[in-house]
Amino acid sequence: MIESVKDIFRRRKLKKYASDVQTGFIPMSDVSVVNVLVDVEEPGFDALRQEILAWGRSINAKVNIYFFDFRKLGKDELLLTSIQTTILKKELDWLDTPDLKKVAPLIDEQSDLFISMIDSMDYPVDFLCKCTKARFKIGRRGYEGHAFDMVVTGNETAELRSDSLKIFNAIKDFLNKIR
């Protein structure tokens, strides 16, 4: 019962904040601002972060990385990322929507490319993917009603399925082919 009520309010919130920017494939020469969504719990997340930043420098693009960190931290544990760009579980509202003040740069400002490196279709990820004002959107998981122009999923049995760095490299290789 509560989930169906949540779904009604989630649809309303998505309708209110959903991006109306026309999306589609764009060449890398037109990309100057890139927003990337990364899960801190992803294996090899630090190497992925470094690779994304290096790629951004190589294409002369401003890269903003936003992190999901839903781990339960102990008293002595610290965040692995900046608090300004990290979405924590406790910052989600009752609908599981991220704090709008924190994600305002992601959903309010125009960008050229949005990449979701999160292999999930949970509502917080879906909300950000549908509300970001990017002209080209890439994701790791396709699902009914997704907002992506391109989905790179990998093979269920191959190592590509769980290796985000390999998936990011596959995305880079494809992006370099768009003219």
N, C-alpha and C. Protein backbone atom coordinates (compact mmCIF):
# COMPACT_ATOMS: atom_id res chain seq x y z
N MET A 1 0.83 -1.19 0.00
CA MET A 1 0.00 0.00 0.00
C MET A 1 0.87 1.26 0.00
N ILE A 2 1.85 1.30 0.91
CA ILE A 2 2.70 2.49 1.00
C ILE A 2 3.52 2.68 -0.27
N GLU A 3 3.93 1.58 -0.91
CA GLU A 3 4.72 1.68 -2.14
C GLU A 3 3.88 2.28 -3.28
N SER A 4 2.60 1.93 -3.36
CA SER A 4 1.77 2.50 -4.41
C SER A 4 1.54 4.00 -4.18
N VAL A 5 1.44 4.41 -2.93
CA VAL A 5 1.31 5.83 -2.61
C VAL A 5 2.62 6.55 -2.97
N LYS A 6 3.75 5.93 -2.62
CA LYS A 6 5.05 6.50 -2.97
C LYS A 6 5.18 6.66 -4.48
N ASP A 7 4.74 5.65 -5.22
CA ASP A 7 4.85 5.70 -6.68
C ASP A 7 4.06 6.87 -7.26
N ILE A 8 2.89 7.15 -6.71
CA ILE A 8 2.08 8.28 -7.17
C ILE A 8 2.84 9.59 -6.97
N PHE A 9 3.37 9.77 -5.78
CA PHE A 9 4.11 11.00 -5.48
C PHE A 9 5.43 11.08 -6.25
N ARG A 10 6.05 9.93 -6.48
CA ARG A 10 7.29 9.92 -7.28
C ARG A 10 7.01 10.37 -8.71
N ARG A 11 5.93 9.86 -9.30
CA ARG A 11 5.58 10.26 -10.66
C ARG A 11 5.32 11.77 -10.74
N ARG A 12 4.64 12.31 -9.74
CA ARG A 12 4.38 13.76 -9.70
C ARG A 12 5.68 14.55 -9.61
N LYS A 13 6.58 14.09 -8.76
CA LYS A 13 7.85 14.79 -8.58
C LYS A 13 8.68 14.71 -9.86
N LEU A 14 8.70 13.55 -10.49
CA LEU A 14 9.43 13.41 -11.76
C LEU A 14 8.84 14.32 -12.82
N LYS A 15 7.52 14.40 -12.87
CA LYS A 15 6.87 15.26 -13.87
C LYS A 15 7.26 16.72 -13.64
N LYS A 16 7.37 17.12 -12.38
CA LYS A 16 7.71 18.50 -12.04
C LYS A 16 9.15 18.84 -12.41
N TYR A 17 10.08 17.92 -12.16
CA TYR A 17 11.51 18.21 -12.34
C TYR A 17 12.14 17.62 -13.60
N ALA A 18 11.42 16.81 -14.34
CA ALA A 18 11.99 16.15 -15.52
C ALA A 18 12.51 17.16 -16.54
N SER A 19 13.62 16.81 -17.13
CA SER A 19 14.25 17.67 -18.13
C SER A 19 13.43 17.69 -19.42
N ASP A 20 13.37 18.85 -20.04
CA ASP A 20 12.69 18.97 -21.33
C ASP A 20 13.70 19.21 -22.46
N VAL A 21 14.99 19.00 -22.14
CA VAL A 21 16.05 19.18 -23.14
C VAL A 21 16.01 18.02 -24.13
N GLN A 22 16.04 18.36 -25.41
CA GLN A 22 16.07 17.35 -26.46
C GLN A 22 17.41 16.61 -26.39
N THR A 23 17.38 15.29 -26.34
CA THR A 23 18.61 14.52 -26.22
C THR A 23 18.87 13.71 -27.49
N GLY A 24 20.11 13.30 -27.64
CA GLY A 24 20.52 12.47 -28.77
C GLY A 24 22.03 12.41 -28.83
N PHE A 25 22.54 11.65 -29.76
CA PHE A 25 23.98 11.50 -29.93
C PHE A 25 24.59 12.83 -30.38
N ILE A 26 25.70 13.21 -29.76
CA ILE A 26 26.42 14.41 -30.17
C ILE A 26 27.90 14.05 -30.30
N PRO A 27 28.60 14.69 -31.21
CA PRO A 27 30.04 14.39 -31.36
C PRO A 27 30.84 14.94 -30.19
N MET A 28 31.97 14.32 -29.91
CA MET A 28 32.82 14.74 -28.79
C MET A 28 33.35 16.17 -28.98
N SER A 29 33.43 16.63 -30.20
CA SER A 29 33.89 17.99 -30.43
C SER A 29 32.90 19.03 -29.87
N ASP A 30 31.65 18.63 -29.65
CA ASP A 30 30.63 19.52 -29.09
C ASP A 30 30.50 19.40 -27.58
N VAL A 31 31.30 18.54 -26.95
CA VAL A 31 31.18 18.30 -25.51
C VAL A 31 32.15 19.20 -24.75
N SER A 32 31.58 20.03 -23.86
CA SER A 32 32.43 20.88 -23.02
C SER A 32 32.15 20.68 -21.53
N VAL A 33 30.95 20.20 -21.18
CA VAL A 33 30.59 19.94 -19.78
C VAL A 33 30.04 18.52 -19.68
N VAL A 34 30.64 17.73 -18.77
CA VAL A 34 30.24 16.34 -18.57
C VAL A 34 29.89 16.14 -17.09
N ASN A 35 28.74 15.54 -16.83
CA ASN A 35 28.36 15.15 -15.47
C ASN A 35 28.33 13.64 -15.40
N VAL A 36 28.94 13.09 -14.35
CA VAL A 36 29.03 11.64 -14.20
C VAL A 36 28.52 11.26 -12.82
N LEU A 37 27.76 10.18 -12.77
CA LEU A 37 27.21 9.65 -11.52
C LEU A 37 27.91 8.32 -11.24
N VAL A 38 28.53 8.19 -10.04
CA VAL A 38 29.32 7.01 -9.69
C VAL A 38 28.89 6.50 -8.31
N ASP A 39 28.86 5.18 -8.16
CA ASP A 39 28.57 4.55 -6.88
C ASP A 39 29.89 4.26 -6.17
N VAL A 40 30.03 4.76 -4.94
CA VAL A 40 31.26 4.57 -4.16
C VAL A 40 31.49 3.09 -3.85
N GLU A 41 30.42 2.30 -3.79
CA GLU A 41 30.54 0.88 -3.48
C GLU A 41 30.96 0.04 -4.68
N GLU A 42 31.07 0.66 -5.83
CA GLU A 42 31.49 -0.04 -7.05
C GLU A 42 32.94 -0.52 -6.88
N PRO A 43 33.24 -1.78 -7.21
CA PRO A 43 34.63 -2.24 -7.13
C PRO A 43 35.53 -1.38 -8.03
N GLY A 44 36.65 -0.94 -7.49
CA GLY A 44 37.59 -0.13 -8.25
C GLY A 44 37.11 1.29 -8.49
N PHE A 45 36.30 1.81 -7.59
CA PHE A 45 35.70 3.13 -7.80
C PHE A 45 36.75 4.24 -7.88
N ASP A 46 37.82 4.15 -7.09
CA ASP A 46 38.83 5.20 -7.10
C ASP A 46 39.57 5.24 -8.45
N ALA A 47 39.88 4.08 -8.99
CA ALA A 47 40.52 4.02 -10.31
C ALA A 47 39.57 4.57 -11.38
N LEU A 48 38.28 4.27 -11.24
CA LEU A 48 37.29 4.80 -12.18
C LEU A 48 37.24 6.32 -12.10
N ARG A 49 37.24 6.87 -10.90
CA ARG A 49 37.20 8.32 -10.71
C ARG A 49 38.43 8.96 -11.38
N GLN A 50 39.61 8.39 -11.16
CA GLN A 50 40.82 8.94 -11.76
C GLN A 50 40.78 8.86 -13.29
N GLU A 51 40.26 7.77 -13.82
CA GLU A 51 40.16 7.60 -15.27
C GLU A 51 39.19 8.62 -15.87
N ILE A 52 38.07 8.86 -15.20
CA ILE A 52 37.08 9.84 -15.69
C ILE A 52 37.69 11.24 -15.72
N LEU A 53 38.39 11.61 -14.66
CA LEU A 53 39.02 12.93 -14.60
C LEU A 53 40.11 13.09 -15.66
N ALA A 54 40.91 12.04 -15.86
CA ALA A 54 41.96 12.09 -16.88
C ALA A 54 41.35 12.21 -18.28
N TRP A 55 40.27 11.48 -18.52
CA TRP A 55 39.58 11.56 -19.81
C TRP A 55 39.04 12.97 -20.04
N GLY A 56 38.46 13.56 -18.99
CA GLY A 56 37.95 14.93 -19.11
C GLY A 56 39.03 15.92 -19.49
N ARG A 57 40.21 15.78 -18.87
CA ARG A 57 41.33 16.66 -19.22
C ARG A 57 41.76 16.43 -20.67
N SER A 58 41.74 15.18 -21.11
CA SER A 58 42.20 14.88 -22.47
C SER A 58 41.27 15.43 -23.55
N ILE A 59 40.00 15.60 -23.23
CA ILE A 59 39.07 16.15 -24.23
C ILE A 59 38.76 17.63 -23.96
N ASN A 60 39.47 18.22 -22.99
CA ASN A 60 39.27 19.63 -22.62
C ASN A 60 37.83 19.92 -22.21
N ALA A 61 37.27 19.06 -21.38
CA ALA A 61 35.91 19.24 -20.89
C ALA A 61 35.91 19.40 -19.38
N LYS A 62 34.98 20.17 -18.89
CA LYS A 62 34.79 20.29 -17.45
C LYS A 62 33.99 19.06 -17.01
N VAL A 63 34.55 18.30 -16.07
CA VAL A 63 33.91 17.08 -15.60
C VAL A 63 33.49 17.25 -14.14
N ASN A 64 32.22 17.02 -13.87
CA ASN A 64 31.68 17.03 -12.52
C ASN A 64 31.26 15.61 -12.17
N ILE A 65 31.81 15.08 -11.09
CA ILE A 65 31.46 13.72 -10.67
C ILE A 65 30.62 13.80 -9.40
N TYR A 66 29.47 13.16 -9.43
CA TYR A 66 28.59 13.06 -8.27
C TYR A 66 28.61 11.61 -7.81
N PHE A 67 28.61 11.42 -6.50
CA PHE A 67 28.76 10.09 -5.93
C PHE A 67 27.53 9.69 -5.12
N PHE A 68 27.18 8.41 -5.20
CA PHE A 68 26.19 7.82 -4.29
C PHE A 68 27.00 7.03 -3.27
N ASP A 69 26.79 7.31 -2.01
CA ASP A 69 27.46 6.57 -0.94
C ASP A 69 26.40 6.16 0.07
N PHE A 70 25.84 4.97 -0.11
CA PHE A 70 24.78 4.48 0.76
C PHE A 70 25.30 3.50 1.80
N ARG A 71 26.64 3.48 1.99
CA ARG A 71 27.22 2.61 3.01
C ARG A 71 26.86 3.10 4.40
N LYS A 72 26.83 2.20 5.33
CA LYS A 72 26.64 2.57 6.72
C LYS A 72 28.04 2.74 7.32
N LEU A 73 28.40 3.98 7.60
CA LEU A 73 29.74 4.28 8.09
C LEU A 73 29.81 4.13 9.60
N GLY A 74 30.90 3.56 10.06
CA GLY A 74 31.15 3.45 11.49
C GLY A 74 31.65 4.78 12.04
N LYS A 75 31.85 4.83 13.34
CA LYS A 75 32.29 6.07 14.00
C LYS A 75 33.64 6.55 13.48
N ASP A 76 34.54 5.64 13.20
CA ASP A 76 35.89 6.01 12.79
C ASP A 76 36.07 6.10 11.28
N GLU A 77 35.02 5.76 10.52
CA GLU A 77 35.13 5.79 9.07
C GLU A 77 34.81 7.18 8.53
N LEU A 78 35.48 7.53 7.45
CA LEU A 78 35.27 8.82 6.80
C LEU A 78 34.75 8.61 5.39
N LEU A 79 34.12 9.65 4.85
CA LEU A 79 33.70 9.62 3.46
C LEU A 79 34.92 9.54 2.56
N LEU A 80 34.78 8.86 1.44
CA LEU A 80 35.87 8.73 0.48
C LEU A 80 35.86 9.87 -0.54
N THR A 81 34.79 10.66 -0.52
CA THR A 81 34.59 11.71 -1.52
C THR A 81 34.18 13.01 -0.83
N SER A 82 34.06 14.05 -1.61
CA SER A 82 33.66 15.36 -1.09
C SER A 82 32.20 15.34 -0.65
N ILE A 83 31.89 15.93 0.48
CA ILE A 83 30.52 15.97 0.99
C ILE A 83 29.62 16.80 0.07
N GLN A 84 30.18 17.77 -0.67
CA GLN A 84 29.37 18.61 -1.56
C GLN A 84 28.85 17.85 -2.78
N THR A 85 29.57 16.81 -3.18
CA THR A 85 29.16 16.07 -4.38
C THR A 85 28.77 14.63 -4.07
N THR A 86 28.59 14.31 -2.80
CA THR A 86 28.24 12.95 -2.41
C THR A 86 26.82 12.92 -1.86
N ILE A 87 26.01 12.05 -2.42
CA ILE A 87 24.63 11.87 -1.97
C ILE A 87 24.61 10.69 -1.01
N LEU A 88 24.22 10.96 0.22
CA LEU A 88 24.17 9.95 1.26
C LEU A 88 22.76 9.42 1.43
N LYS A 89 22.64 8.23 1.95
CA LYS A 89 21.33 7.61 2.18
C LYS A 89 20.46 8.49 3.07
N LYS A 90 21.06 9.09 4.10
CA LYS A 90 20.29 9.91 5.04
C LYS A 90 19.81 11.22 4.42
N GLU A 91 20.32 11.57 3.24
CA GLU A 91 19.90 12.79 2.57
C GLU A 91 18.73 12.59 1.61
N LEU A 92 18.24 11.37 1.52
CA LEU A 92 17.08 11.10 0.67
C LEU A 92 15.81 11.41 1.46
N ASP A 93 14.81 11.95 0.77
CA ASP A 93 13.54 12.20 1.46
C ASP A 93 12.71 10.92 1.50
N TRP A 94 11.48 11.02 1.96
CA TRP A 94 10.66 9.81 2.14
C TRP A 94 10.32 9.13 0.81
N LEU A 95 10.46 9.87 -0.30
CA LEU A 95 10.25 9.29 -1.62
C LEU A 95 11.54 8.72 -2.21
N ASP A 96 12.64 8.88 -1.48
CA ASP A 96 13.98 8.50 -1.93
C ASP A 96 14.54 9.46 -2.97
N THR A 97 14.07 10.70 -2.95
CA THR A 97 14.60 11.74 -3.83
C THR A 97 15.81 12.37 -3.16
N PRO A 98 16.91 12.54 -3.89
CA PRO A 98 18.08 13.21 -3.31
C PRO A 98 17.76 14.65 -2.93
N ASP A 99 18.53 15.18 -1.99
CA ASP A 99 18.39 16.57 -1.55
C ASP A 99 18.55 17.49 -2.76
N LEU A 100 17.50 18.23 -3.08
CA LEU A 100 17.50 19.05 -4.29
C LEU A 100 18.53 20.18 -4.24
N LYS A 101 18.86 20.67 -3.07
CA LYS A 101 19.88 21.72 -2.96
C LYS A 101 21.25 21.17 -3.35
N LYS A 102 21.52 19.95 -2.95
CA LYS A 102 22.82 19.34 -3.23
C LYS A 102 22.96 18.98 -4.71
N VAL A 103 21.90 18.52 -5.32
CA VAL A 103 21.98 18.08 -6.72
C VAL A 103 21.56 19.17 -7.70
N ALA A 104 21.32 20.39 -7.20
CA ALA A 104 20.90 21.49 -8.07
C ALA A 104 21.84 21.72 -9.25
N PRO A 105 23.17 21.71 -9.04
CA PRO A 105 24.04 21.90 -10.21
C PRO A 105 23.86 20.79 -11.26
N LEU A 106 23.56 19.61 -10.82
CA LEU A 106 23.38 18.49 -11.74
C LEU A 106 22.08 18.59 -12.53
N ILE A 107 21.00 18.97 -11.86
CA ILE A 107 19.70 18.96 -12.54
C ILE A 107 19.26 20.32 -13.07
N ASP A 108 19.90 21.39 -12.63
CA ASP A 108 19.47 22.71 -13.08
C ASP A 108 20.32 23.28 -14.20
N GLU A 109 21.59 22.94 -14.24
CA GLU A 109 22.49 23.52 -15.23
C GLU A 109 22.59 22.64 -16.48
N GLN A 110 22.66 23.28 -17.61
CA GLN A 110 22.79 22.60 -18.90
C GLN A 110 24.16 21.92 -18.99
N SER A 111 24.19 20.70 -19.48
CA SER A 111 25.46 20.01 -19.75
C SER A 111 25.35 19.33 -21.10
N ASP A 112 26.49 18.91 -21.61
CA ASP A 112 26.50 18.27 -22.92
C ASP A 112 26.35 16.76 -22.82
N LEU A 113 26.95 16.18 -21.78
CA LEU A 113 26.97 14.73 -21.65
C LEU A 113 26.74 14.33 -20.21
N PHE A 114 25.89 13.35 -20.01
CA PHE A 114 25.65 12.77 -18.68
C PHE A 114 25.91 11.28 -18.78
N ILE A 115 26.72 10.77 -17.85
CA ILE A 115 27.03 9.34 -17.82
C ILE A 115 26.69 8.81 -16.44
N SER A 116 25.80 7.82 -16.39
CA SER A 116 25.51 7.15 -15.12
C SER A 116 26.28 5.84 -15.10
N MET A 117 27.26 5.77 -14.20
CA MET A 117 28.06 4.55 -14.06
C MET A 117 27.47 3.65 -12.98
N ILE A 118 26.24 3.93 -12.57
CA ILE A 118 25.58 3.13 -11.53
C ILE A 118 24.72 2.06 -12.19
N ASP A 119 24.99 0.83 -11.84
CA ASP A 119 24.29 -0.32 -12.40
C ASP A 119 23.04 -0.60 -11.56
N SER A 120 22.09 0.32 -11.63
CA SER A 120 20.89 0.23 -10.81
C SER A 120 19.76 0.97 -11.49
N MET A 121 18.55 0.59 -11.16
CA MET A 121 17.39 1.33 -11.65
C MET A 121 16.55 1.83 -10.48
N ASP A 122 17.19 1.98 -9.32
CA ASP A 122 16.50 2.48 -8.14
C ASP A 122 16.05 3.92 -8.37
N TYR A 123 15.05 4.35 -7.62
CA TYR A 123 14.45 5.67 -7.83
C TYR A 123 15.43 6.83 -7.73
N PRO A 124 16.35 6.88 -6.76
CA PRO A 124 17.26 8.04 -6.72
C PRO A 124 18.08 8.18 -8.01
N VAL A 125 18.52 7.07 -8.56
CA VAL A 125 19.29 7.09 -9.81
C VAL A 125 18.38 7.50 -10.97
N ASP A 126 17.21 6.91 -11.02
CA ASP A 126 16.23 7.23 -12.08
C ASP A 126 15.87 8.71 -12.05
N PHE A 127 15.65 9.25 -10.87
CA PHE A 127 15.29 10.66 -10.73
C PHE A 127 16.38 11.55 -11.32
N LEU A 128 17.62 11.32 -10.94
CA LEU A 128 18.71 12.15 -11.45
C LEU A 128 18.91 12.00 -12.96
N CYS A 129 18.76 10.78 -13.45
CA CYS A 129 18.94 10.54 -14.89
C CYS A 129 17.86 11.24 -15.70
N LYS A 130 16.65 11.25 -15.22
CA LYS A 130 15.56 11.88 -15.95
C LYS A 130 15.53 13.40 -15.79
N CYS A 131 16.11 13.91 -14.72
CA CYS A 131 16.02 15.34 -14.44
C CYS A 131 17.24 16.14 -14.89
N THR A 132 18.35 15.49 -15.15
CA THR A 132 19.53 16.22 -15.59
C THR A 132 19.29 16.81 -16.98
N LYS A 133 19.75 18.02 -17.17
CA LYS A 133 19.53 18.74 -18.43
C LYS A 133 20.71 18.54 -19.38
N ALA A 134 21.01 17.30 -19.66
CA ALA A 134 22.11 16.97 -20.58
C ALA A 134 21.56 16.72 -21.97
N ARG A 135 22.38 17.00 -22.98
CA ARG A 135 21.97 16.79 -24.37
C ARG A 135 22.19 15.35 -24.83
N PHE A 136 23.01 14.60 -24.11
CA PHE A 136 23.31 13.20 -24.47
C PHE A 136 23.47 12.44 -23.16
N LYS A 137 22.71 11.35 -23.00
CA LYS A 137 22.71 10.60 -21.74
C LYS A 137 23.08 9.15 -21.99
N ILE A 138 24.02 8.67 -21.17
CA ILE A 138 24.51 7.29 -21.28
C ILE A 138 24.34 6.62 -19.92
N GLY A 139 23.90 5.37 -19.93
CA GLY A 139 23.72 4.63 -18.69
C GLY A 139 24.22 3.21 -18.79
N ARG A 140 24.22 2.54 -17.63
CA ARG A 140 24.69 1.15 -17.56
C ARG A 140 23.56 0.14 -17.54
N ARG A 141 22.35 0.58 -17.27
CA ARG A 141 21.25 -0.36 -17.19
C ARG A 141 20.01 0.24 -17.85
N GLY A 142 19.50 -0.48 -18.83
CA GLY A 142 18.26 -0.06 -19.46
C GLY A 142 17.08 -0.67 -18.72
N TYR A 143 16.01 0.06 -18.63
CA TYR A 143 14.78 -0.40 -17.99
C TYR A 143 13.62 0.36 -18.60
N GLU A 144 12.44 -0.11 -18.36
CA GLU A 144 11.25 0.51 -18.95
C GLU A 144 11.16 1.98 -18.53
N GLY A 145 11.09 2.85 -19.51
CA GLY A 145 10.96 4.27 -19.24
C GLY A 145 12.27 4.99 -18.93
N HIS A 146 13.42 4.36 -19.18
CA HIS A 146 14.70 5.00 -18.87
C HIS A 146 14.92 6.23 -19.77
N ALA A 147 15.84 7.08 -19.36
CA ALA A 147 16.08 8.36 -20.05
C ALA A 147 17.34 8.35 -20.92
N PHE A 148 17.96 7.20 -21.10
CA PHE A 148 19.26 7.15 -21.77
C PHE A 148 19.14 7.10 -23.29
N ASP A 149 20.11 7.75 -23.94
CA ASP A 149 20.23 7.66 -25.39
C ASP A 149 21.05 6.43 -25.78
N MET A 150 21.91 6.00 -24.85
CA MET A 150 22.76 4.83 -25.09
C MET A 150 22.93 4.08 -23.77
N VAL A 151 22.86 2.76 -23.83
CA VAL A 151 23.03 1.92 -22.64
C VAL A 151 24.14 0.91 -22.92
N VAL A 152 25.14 0.86 -22.02
CA VAL A 152 26.23 -0.10 -22.13
C VAL A 152 26.10 -1.03 -20.93
N THR A 153 25.61 -2.25 -21.19
CA THR A 153 25.33 -3.17 -20.09
C THR A 153 26.37 -4.25 -19.93
N GLY A 154 27.00 -4.65 -20.98
CA GLY A 154 27.92 -5.77 -20.88
C GLY A 154 27.16 -7.08 -20.93
N ASN A 155 27.88 -8.16 -20.76
CA ASN A 155 27.31 -9.50 -20.80
C ASN A 155 27.14 -10.00 -19.38
N GLU A 156 26.04 -10.64 -19.08
CA GLU A 156 25.77 -11.14 -17.73
C GLU A 156 26.86 -12.08 -17.22
N THR A 157 27.48 -12.83 -18.11
CA THR A 157 28.48 -13.80 -17.66
C THR A 157 29.91 -13.29 -17.79
N ALA A 158 30.10 -12.21 -18.50
CA ALA A 158 31.46 -11.71 -18.72
C ALA A 158 31.89 -10.80 -17.59
N GLU A 159 33.20 -10.55 -17.54
CA GLU A 159 33.73 -9.68 -16.49
C GLU A 159 33.31 -8.23 -16.71
N LEU A 160 32.86 -7.87 -17.90
CA LEU A 160 32.42 -6.51 -18.18
C LEU A 160 31.22 -6.13 -17.32
N ARG A 161 30.44 -7.10 -16.90
CA ARG A 161 29.24 -6.84 -16.12
C ARG A 161 29.56 -6.12 -14.81
N SER A 162 30.64 -6.48 -14.16
CA SER A 162 30.91 -5.90 -12.86
C SER A 162 32.11 -4.95 -12.86
N ASP A 163 32.78 -4.82 -13.97
CA ASP A 163 33.97 -3.98 -14.01
C ASP A 163 33.63 -2.62 -14.62
N SER A 164 33.41 -1.65 -13.76
CA SER A 164 33.00 -0.33 -14.23
C SER A 164 34.08 0.36 -15.05
N LEU A 165 35.33 0.09 -14.77
CA LEU A 165 36.41 0.71 -15.53
C LEU A 165 36.39 0.22 -16.98
N LYS A 166 36.16 -1.07 -17.18
CA LYS A 166 36.07 -1.61 -18.55
C LYS A 166 34.85 -1.04 -19.27
N ILE A 167 33.75 -0.88 -18.55
CA ILE A 167 32.55 -0.30 -19.17
C ILE A 167 32.82 1.15 -19.55
N PHE A 168 33.47 1.90 -18.67
CA PHE A 168 33.79 3.30 -19.00
C PHE A 168 34.71 3.36 -20.22
N ASN A 169 35.68 2.47 -20.31
CA ASN A 169 36.56 2.45 -21.48
C ASN A 169 35.78 2.11 -22.75
N ALA A 170 34.78 1.23 -22.65
CA ALA A 170 33.94 0.92 -23.80
C ALA A 170 33.12 2.15 -24.21
N ILE A 171 32.64 2.90 -23.22
CA ILE A 171 31.90 4.14 -23.51
C ILE A 171 32.82 5.14 -24.21
N LYS A 172 34.03 5.32 -23.69
CA LYS A 172 34.98 6.25 -24.31
C LYS A 172 35.27 5.86 -25.75
N ASP A 173 35.51 4.56 -25.99
CA ASP A 173 35.80 4.10 -27.35
C ASP A 173 34.64 4.41 -28.30
N PHE A 174 33.41 4.20 -27.82
CA PHE A 174 32.26 4.48 -28.66
C PHE A 174 32.12 5.98 -28.92
N LEU A 175 32.31 6.79 -27.87
CA LEU A 175 32.17 8.24 -28.03
C LEU A 175 33.17 8.80 -29.03
N ASN A 176 34.37 8.22 -29.08
CA ASN A 176 35.38 8.68 -30.03
C ASN A 176 34.98 8.39 -31.48
N LYS A 177 34.05 7.48 -31.69
CA LYS A 177 33.63 7.11 -33.05
C LYS A 177 32.49 8.00 -33.57
N ILE A 178 31.84 8.75 -32.68
CA ILE A 178 30.73 9.62 -33.10
C ILE A 178 31.30 10.85 -33.79
N ARG A 179 30.86 11.09 -34.99
CA ARG A 179 31.34 12.24 -35.77
C ARG A 179 30.24 13.22 -36.00
